[in-house]
Amino acid sequence: MIFSDLISDIKTAPFATLRIESDNYFEAVICNKDIPEFAAKLNGYFGSPIESSKKLSSKSQETIAKFGGIDPGQTLYFWSEGDNAIFAMLWPWQDEKHTTLKIIKI
């Protein structure tokens, strides 16, 4: 998977606010009504989300923890090949209208 291709595709979906975009990190706020479109794109790249980061290597778990970790109600997508890994997290807000999307290349 190529990180820049994933980000280019993600940016074609509507998002409320772009917070950060760099060579290895993307963060945006999306409206919950648009989650199905984002989930379809993420599923296309990653497959189904994983239920727990505990199924990942300790290095991956440590990296995910640096970005806030995954709590119940949040979603984690993960892909790795050799030393390359990319993960995406969806964090719903308490206002039930917005979600933070984070995509990280490690």
C-alpha atoms as a PDB file:
ATOM      1  CA  MET A   1       0.000   0.000   0.000  1.00  0.00           C
ATOM      2  CA  ILE A   2       1.275   3.458  -0.834  1.00  0.00           C
ATOM      3  CA  PHE A   3       0.455   6.055   1.827  1.00  0.00           C
ATOM      4  CA  SER A   4       0.173   8.949  -0.639  1.00  0.00           C
ATOM      5  CA  ASP A   5      -2.362   7.005  -2.759  1.00  0.00           C
ATOM      6  CA  LEU A   6      -4.476   6.292   0.314  1.00  0.00           C
ATOM      7  CA  ILE A   7      -4.451   9.948   1.361  1.00  0.00           C
ATOM      8  CA  SER A   8      -5.278  11.150  -2.161  1.00  0.00           C
ATOM      9  CA  ASP A   9      -8.267   8.822  -2.220  1.00  0.00           C
ATOM     10  CA  ILE A  10      -9.409   9.780   1.290  1.00  0.00           C
ATOM     11  CA  LYS A  11      -9.288  13.472   0.351  1.00  0.00           C
ATOM     12  CA  THR A  12     -11.916  12.906  -2.355  1.00  0.00           C
ATOM     13  CA  ALA A  13     -14.491  12.275   0.397  1.00  0.00           C
ATOM     14  CA  PRO A  14     -16.008  15.260   2.200  1.00  0.00           C
ATOM     15  CA  PHE A  15     -14.406  16.261   5.485  1.00  0.00           C
ATOM     16  CA  ALA A  16     -15.185  19.137   7.827  1.00  0.00           C
ATOM     17  CA  THR A  17     -11.644  20.176   8.754  1.00  0.00           C
ATOM     18  CA  LEU A  18      -8.182  19.168   7.630  1.00  0.00           C
ATOM     19  CA  ARG A  19      -5.985  19.344  10.733  1.00  0.00           C
ATOM     20  CA  ILE A  20      -2.613  17.907   9.651  1.00  0.00           C
ATOM     21  CA  GLU A  21      -1.161  16.520   6.437  1.00  0.00           C
ATOM     22  CA  SER A  22       2.457  15.398   6.139  1.00  0.00           C
ATOM     23  CA  ASP A  23       4.467  12.633   4.486  1.00  0.00           C
ATOM     24  CA  ASN A  24       3.489  10.142   7.199  1.00  0.00           C
ATOM     25  CA  TYR A  25       0.492  11.599   9.045  1.00  0.00           C
ATOM     26  CA  PHE A  26      -2.983  12.764   8.107  1.00  0.00           C
ATOM     27  CA  GLU A  27      -5.637  14.018  10.492  1.00  0.00           C
ATOM     28  CA  ALA A  28      -9.071  15.403   9.668  1.00  0.00           C
ATOM     29  CA  VAL A  29     -12.464  15.898  11.266  1.00  0.00           C
ATOM     30  CA  ILE A  30     -15.323  14.261   9.413  1.00  0.00           C
ATOM     31  CA  CYS A  31     -19.084  14.462   9.865  1.00  0.00           C
ATOM     32  CA  ASN A  32     -20.656  11.230  11.078  1.00  0.00           C
ATOM     33  CA  LYS A  33     -23.104  11.235   8.170  1.00  0.00           C
ATOM     34  CA  ASP A  34     -20.071  10.720   5.896  1.00  0.00           C
ATOM     35  CA  ILE A  35     -18.589   7.781   7.827  1.00  0.00           C
ATOM     36  CA  PRO A  36     -19.985   5.155   5.414  1.00  0.00           C
ATOM     37  CA  GLU A  37     -18.046   6.756   2.540  1.00  0.00           C
ATOM     38  CA  PHE A  38     -14.826   6.869   4.566  1.00  0.00           C
ATOM     39  CA  ALA A  39     -15.348   3.336   5.877  1.00  0.00           C
ATOM     40  CA  ALA A  40     -15.800   2.044   2.323  1.00  0.00           C
ATOM     41  CA  LYS A  41     -12.515   3.675   1.277  1.00  0.00           C
ATOM     42  CA  LEU A  42     -10.667   2.388   4.358  1.00  0.00           C
ATOM     43  CA  ASN A  43     -12.098  -1.114   3.914  1.00  0.00           C
ATOM     44  CA  GLY A  44     -10.849  -1.049   0.312  1.00  0.00           C
ATOM     45  CA  TYR A  45      -7.276  -0.410   1.455  1.00  0.00           C
ATOM     46  CA  PHE A  46      -7.146  -2.223   4.804  1.00  0.00           C
ATOM     47  CA  GLY A  47      -9.942  -4.771   4.744  1.00  0.00           C
ATOM     48  CA  SER A  48     -12.178  -4.967   7.806  1.00  0.00           C
ATOM     49  CA  PRO A  49     -11.175  -3.035  10.933  1.00  0.00           C
ATOM     50  CA  ILE A  50      -9.523  -4.966  13.732  1.00  0.00           C
ATOM     51  CA  GLU A  51     -11.243  -5.290  17.067  1.00  0.00           C
ATOM     52  CA  SER A  52      -8.260  -4.751  19.332  1.00  0.00           C
ATOM     53  CA  SER A  53      -4.752  -3.350  18.971  1.00  0.00           C
ATOM     54  CA  LYS A  54      -3.658  -6.181  21.297  1.00  0.00           C
ATOM     55  CA  LYS A  55      -3.563  -8.416  18.215  1.00  0.00           C
ATOM     56  CA  LEU A  56      -0.690  -6.320  16.811  1.00  0.00           C
ATOM     57  CA  SER A  57       3.047  -6.431  17.439  1.00  0.00           C
ATOM     58  CA  SER A  58       4.340  -4.590  20.500  1.00  0.00           C
ATOM     59  CA  LYS A  59       5.989  -1.966  18.237  1.00  0.00           C
ATOM     60  CA  SER A  60       2.651  -1.303  16.519  1.00  0.00           C
ATOM     61  CA  GLN A  61       0.845  -1.164  19.859  1.00  0.00           C
ATOM     62  CA  GLU A  62       3.386   1.372  21.165  1.00  0.00           C
ATOM     63  CA  THR A  63       2.990   3.543  18.078  1.00  0.00           C
ATOM     64  CA  ILE A  64      -0.797   3.458  18.250  1.00  0.00           C
ATOM     65  CA  ALA A  65      -0.594   4.379  21.935  1.00  0.00           C
ATOM     66  CA  LYS A  66       1.488   7.472  21.039  1.00  0.00           C
ATOM     67  CA  PHE A  67      -1.436   8.674  18.929  1.00  0.00           C
ATOM     68  CA  GLY A  68      -3.985   8.119  21.677  1.00  0.00           C
ATOM     69  CA  GLY A  69      -4.671   4.398  21.433  1.00  0.00           C
ATOM     70  CA  ILE A  70      -8.001   2.747  20.728  1.00  0.00           C
ATOM     71  CA  ASP A  71     -10.857   2.722  23.220  1.00  0.00           C
ATOM     72  CA  PRO A  72     -14.256   1.017  22.999  1.00  0.00           C
ATOM     73  CA  GLY A  73     -16.369   2.694  20.323  1.00  0.00           C
ATOM     74  CA  GLN A  74     -13.327   3.669  18.269  1.00  0.00           C
ATOM     75  CA  THR A  75     -12.214   1.938  15.083  1.00  0.00           C
ATOM     76  CA  LEU A  76      -8.753   0.739  14.054  1.00  0.00           C
ATOM     77  CA  TYR A  77      -7.582  -0.304  10.594  1.00  0.00           C
ATOM     78  CA  PHE A  78      -4.107  -1.777  10.180  1.00  0.00           C
ATOM     79  CA  TRP A  79      -1.866  -2.921   7.320  1.00  0.00           C
ATOM     80  CA  SER A  80       1.756  -4.060   7.396  1.00  0.00           C
ATOM     81  CA  GLU A  81       4.296  -5.589   5.065  1.00  0.00           C
ATOM     82  CA  GLY A  82       7.882  -6.126   6.188  1.00  0.00           C
ATOM     83  CA  ASP A  83       8.997  -3.022   8.090  1.00  0.00           C
ATOM     84  CA  ASN A  84       6.202  -0.876   6.623  1.00  0.00           C
ATOM     85  CA  ALA A  85       2.917  -0.303   8.420  1.00  0.00           C
ATOM     86  CA  ILE A  86      -0.025   2.043   8.062  1.00  0.00           C
ATOM     87  CA  PHE A  87      -2.929   2.385  10.417  1.00  0.00           C
ATOM     88  CA  ALA A  88      -6.080   4.455  10.507  1.00  0.00           C
ATOM     89  CA  MET A  89      -8.211   5.333  13.500  1.00  0.00           C
ATOM     90  CA  LEU A  90     -11.737   6.722  13.718  1.00  0.00           C
ATOM     91  CA  TRP A  91     -12.506   8.482  16.983  1.00  0.00           C
ATOM     92  CA  PRO A  92     -16.155   9.528  17.418  1.00  0.00           C
ATOM     93  CA  TRP A  93     -16.759  12.751  19.315  1.00  0.00           C
ATOM     94  CA  GLN A  94     -19.128  13.067  22.258  1.00  0.00           C
ATOM     95  CA  ASP A  95     -21.300  15.470  20.209  1.00  0.00           C
ATOM     96  CA  GLU A  96     -22.290  12.426  18.087  1.00  0.00           C
ATOM     97  CA  LYS A  97     -21.918  14.585  14.940  1.00  0.00           C
ATOM     98  CA  HIS A  98     -18.181  14.435  14.270  1.00  0.00           C
ATOM     99  CA  THR A  99     -15.331  11.923  14.187  1.00  0.00           C
ATOM    100  CA  THR A 100     -11.564  12.432  14.046  1.00  0.00           C
ATOM    101  CA  LEU A 101      -9.795  10.417  11.351  1.00  0.00           C
ATOM    102  CA  LYS A 102      -6.087   9.741  11.865  1.00  0.00           C
ATOM    103  CA  ILE A 103      -3.953   7.892   9.328  1.00  0.00           C
ATOM    104  CA  ILE A 104      -0.332   7.163  10.238  1.00  0.00           C
ATOM    105  CA  LYS A 105       2.546   5.565   8.332  1.00  0.00           C
ATOM    106  CA  ILE A 106       5.193   3.972  10.562  1.00  0.00           C
END
